[in-house]
């Protein structure tokens, strides 16, 4: 997709956009300079995902009608402290990128090019889903291998404005203010590692 984020204007579509609606992207092809980014001008990002897949940072989960925030989160099909692309359904962390892409999104040819077989070789670092928008940049780091900002389901303990920390290290990019016991996918304050 072009570097611009949904709802942003052409002026806001700089090489590292942060304005516009929050969207998800693959760490393999979303940030500029990621493994599958084929744009040589630095102005395109091919890895944006539809927010219709069930993940997004535009939705606040509140505790209303539930005994605890984790139960409210579970009622929406997610888990507290879930990191998209990293957290297995049983709550443990995945050690490779097989939740993100079939075969982990990468293959190698074993036995040389001539007559060799292609075998899955999943990424083992930097493979979580990333997000950008509502003030969160598409790219992190200095490149040439740009990285991005992962997400995690976190719960507010008090009032949290858009752009402020929900929990230590996780920022509210929902576009709305949160109150105590509200939960959302927070955007990491620190950039992810490069996929490898």
Protein backbone atom coordinates (compact mmCIF):
# COMPACT_ATOMS: atom_id res chain seq x y z
CA UNK A 1 0.00 0.00 0.00
CA UNK A 2 1.20 3.56 -0.37
CA UNK A 3 2.96 5.01 2.63
CA UNK A 4 -0.12 7.06 3.56
CA UNK A 5 -2.39 5.68 6.25
CA UNK A 6 -6.21 5.62 5.89
CA UNK A 7 -7.72 9.05 6.41
CA UNK A 8 -4.42 10.92 6.06
CA UNK A 9 -3.86 13.69 3.54
CA UNK A 10 -1.17 13.77 0.81
CA UNK A 11 0.80 16.27 2.92
CA UNK A 12 0.83 13.78 5.82
CA UNK A 13 2.04 10.95 3.57
CA UNK A 14 5.73 11.45 4.27
CA UNK A 15 8.21 8.59 4.07
CA UNK A 16 7.32 7.60 7.64
CA UNK A 17 3.62 8.36 8.12
CA UNK A 18 1.99 8.41 11.55
CA UNK A 19 -1.27 10.26 10.91
CA UNK A 20 -4.47 8.59 9.83
CA UNK A 21 -6.39 5.61 11.15
CA UNK A 22 -4.43 2.88 12.94
CA UNK A 23 -3.73 -0.12 10.68
CA UNK A 24 -1.91 -3.41 11.10
CA UNK A 25 0.97 -4.59 8.96
CA UNK A 26 3.33 -7.48 8.57
CA UNK A 27 6.85 -7.04 9.91
CA UNK A 28 8.07 -8.74 6.73
CA UNK A 29 6.71 -6.15 4.31
CA UNK A 30 5.16 -3.24 6.20
CA UNK A 31 7.98 -0.96 7.35
CA UNK A 32 10.29 0.58 4.77
CA UNK A 33 13.34 -1.61 4.27
CA UNK A 34 11.72 -4.76 5.70
CA UNK A 35 12.55 -8.09 3.99
CA UNK A 36 9.75 -7.98 1.36
CA UNK A 37 9.59 -4.22 0.81
CA UNK A 38 10.35 -3.83 -2.90
CA UNK A 39 9.97 -0.05 -3.17
CA UNK A 40 13.30 1.64 -3.85
CA UNK A 41 12.03 5.17 -3.20
CA UNK A 42 11.09 4.56 0.44
CA UNK A 43 7.55 5.76 -0.10
CA UNK A 44 5.60 2.50 -0.18
CA UNK A 45 4.67 -0.16 2.31
CA UNK A 46 3.25 -3.38 0.93
CA UNK A 47 2.34 -5.13 4.14
CA UNK A 48 -0.78 -3.45 5.51
CA UNK A 49 -3.46 -5.85 6.70
CA UNK A 50 -7.20 -5.32 6.68
CA UNK A 51 -8.44 -4.38 10.13
CA UNK A 52 -11.45 -6.60 9.35
CA UNK A 53 -9.48 -9.69 10.38
CA UNK A 54 -10.39 -9.11 14.02
CA UNK A 55 -7.32 -7.25 15.17
CA UNK A 56 -7.08 -3.52 15.44
CA UNK A 57 -6.28 -0.76 17.83
CA UNK A 58 -9.41 1.26 17.12
CA UNK A 59 -11.61 -0.69 19.51
CA UNK A 60 -11.77 -0.29 23.28
CA UNK A 61 -12.92 -3.25 25.36
CA UNK A 62 -14.55 -2.17 28.61
CA UNK A 63 -15.31 -4.24 31.69
CA UNK A 64 -19.03 -3.39 31.80
CA UNK A 65 -20.98 -6.52 32.70
CA UNK A 66 -17.88 -8.60 33.43
CA UNK A 67 -16.19 -9.39 36.75
CA UNK A 68 -12.68 -8.56 35.49
CA UNK A 69 -11.04 -6.98 32.45
CA UNK A 70 -9.54 -10.38 31.39
CA UNK A 71 -13.06 -11.85 31.20
CA UNK A 72 -14.25 -8.87 29.12
CA UNK A 73 -11.27 -9.33 26.81
CA UNK A 74 -11.96 -13.07 26.49
CA UNK A 75 -15.59 -12.35 25.57
CA UNK A 76 -14.27 -10.47 22.52
CA UNK A 77 -12.10 -13.39 21.39
CA UNK A 78 -8.75 -12.15 22.68
CA UNK A 79 -6.63 -12.74 25.78
CA UNK A 80 -5.09 -10.32 28.25
CA UNK A 81 -1.41 -9.72 27.37
CA UNK A 82 -1.91 -11.25 23.90
CA UNK A 83 0.68 -10.17 21.32
CA UNK A 84 -0.71 -10.70 17.78
CA UNK A 85 1.48 -13.03 15.73
CA UNK A 86 3.41 -14.16 18.81
CA UNK A 87 0.90 -15.52 21.36
CA UNK A 88 -0.34 -19.08 20.80
CA UNK A 89 -3.98 -19.93 21.58
CA UNK A 90 -2.84 -21.56 24.85
CA UNK A 91 -1.22 -18.29 25.97
CA UNK A 92 2.39 -19.36 25.46
CA UNK A 93 4.72 -17.44 23.15
CA UNK A 94 5.58 -18.70 19.70
CA UNK A 95 9.30 -18.99 18.92
CA UNK A 96 8.90 -18.62 15.15
CA UNK A 97 6.74 -16.83 12.59
CA UNK A 98 4.33 -19.69 11.76
CA UNK A 99 1.34 -17.82 13.29
CA UNK A 100 1.96 -14.94 10.87
CA UNK A 101 2.47 -16.80 7.59
CA UNK A 102 2.20 -20.34 6.23
CA UNK A 103 5.59 -21.95 6.64
CA UNK A 104 6.73 -18.92 8.59
CA UNK A 105 6.90 -16.69 5.51
CA UNK A 106 10.33 -17.78 4.35
CA UNK A 107 11.86 -20.76 2.54
CA UNK A 108 15.41 -21.86 1.82
CA UNK A 109 16.72 -24.18 -0.87
CA UNK A 110 18.43 -27.17 0.70
CA UNK A 111 21.20 -28.92 -1.22
CA UNK A 112 21.98 -26.08 -3.61
CA UNK A 113 19.92 -24.45 -6.34
CA UNK A 114 20.27 -27.30 -8.84
CA UNK A 115 17.89 -30.03 -7.74
CA UNK A 116 17.46 -28.56 -4.29
CA UNK A 117 14.19 -28.64 -2.40
CA UNK A 118 12.62 -25.56 -0.91
CA UNK A 119 12.02 -25.98 2.80
CA UNK A 120 10.29 -23.69 5.30
CA UNK A 121 12.71 -21.61 7.34
CA UNK A 122 10.52 -19.47 9.66
CA UNK A 123 11.75 -16.20 11.07
CA UNK A 124 12.76 -16.55 14.72
CA UNK A 125 12.92 -12.85 15.66
CA UNK A 126 10.99 -9.72 14.73
CA UNK A 127 7.88 -11.48 13.42
CA UNK A 128 5.01 -10.02 15.49
CA UNK A 129 2.29 -8.00 13.78
CA UNK A 130 2.96 -4.26 13.75
CA UNK A 131 0.74 -1.20 13.76
CA UNK A 132 0.90 2.44 12.68
CA UNK A 133 -1.42 5.45 12.79
CA UNK A 134 -3.11 7.75 15.31
CA UNK A 135 0.34 9.19 16.02
CA UNK A 136 2.26 5.91 15.79
CA UNK A 137 4.94 5.84 13.05
CA UNK A 138 5.16 3.15 10.40
CA UNK A 139 8.94 2.82 10.80
CA UNK A 140 11.29 2.62 13.76
CA UNK A 141 15.03 2.68 13.82
CA UNK A 142 17.56 4.20 11.47
CA UNK A 143 17.49 1.61 8.68
CA UNK A 144 18.38 0.32 6.23
CA UNK A 145 16.41 -2.52 7.86
CA UNK A 146 13.58 -0.46 9.32
CA UNK A 147 11.45 -2.06 11.99
CA UNK A 148 8.07 -1.14 13.46
CA UNK A 149 5.95 -1.23 16.60
CA UNK A 150 4.35 -4.44 17.86
CA UNK A 151 1.03 -4.58 19.72
CA UNK A 152 -0.16 -6.17 22.96
CA UNK A 153 -3.55 -6.35 24.71
CA UNK A 154 -3.19 -4.19 27.83
CA UNK A 155 -5.56 -2.71 30.44
CA UNK A 156 -5.67 0.84 31.78
CA UNK A 157 -5.48 1.47 35.52
CA UNK A 158 -6.70 5.06 35.14
CA UNK A 159 -7.47 7.69 32.50
CA UNK A 160 -5.31 7.32 29.37
CA UNK A 161 -5.33 9.85 26.52
CA UNK A 162 -4.60 8.82 22.94
CA UNK A 163 -0.80 8.75 22.62
CA UNK A 164 -0.22 8.11 26.35
CA UNK A 165 0.99 4.88 27.96
CA UNK A 166 -1.74 2.36 28.86
CA UNK A 167 0.83 0.21 30.68
CA UNK A 168 4.59 0.68 30.79
CA UNK A 169 5.90 0.31 27.25
CA UNK A 170 2.48 0.18 25.51
CA UNK A 171 0.82 3.29 24.06
CA UNK A 172 -2.86 4.06 23.37
CA UNK A 173 -3.30 4.48 19.60
CA UNK A 174 -7.08 3.86 19.58
CA UNK A 175 -7.86 7.49 18.84
CA UNK A 176 -10.04 7.85 21.95
CA UNK A 177 -9.42 8.36 25.67
CA UNK A 178 -9.57 5.31 27.91
CA UNK A 179 -10.74 5.00 31.53
CA UNK A 180 -9.71 2.56 34.26
CA UNK A 181 -10.39 -1.11 33.36
CA UNK A 182 -10.65 -0.34 29.61
CA UNK A 183 -8.46 -2.60 27.49
CA UNK A 184 -7.02 -2.22 23.99
CA UNK A 185 -4.14 -3.33 21.83
CA UNK A 186 -1.39 -0.98 22.91
CA UNK A 187 1.36 -0.05 20.46
CA UNK A 188 4.91 -0.69 21.67
CA UNK A 189 6.82 2.41 22.69
CA UNK A 190 10.08 0.79 21.53
CA UNK A 191 10.76 -0.45 18.03
CA UNK A 192 10.79 -4.17 17.30
CA UNK A 193 13.88 -6.05 16.21
CA UNK A 194 14.40 -6.66 12.49
CA UNK A 195 12.95 -9.93 11.17
CA UNK A 196 15.58 -12.63 11.05
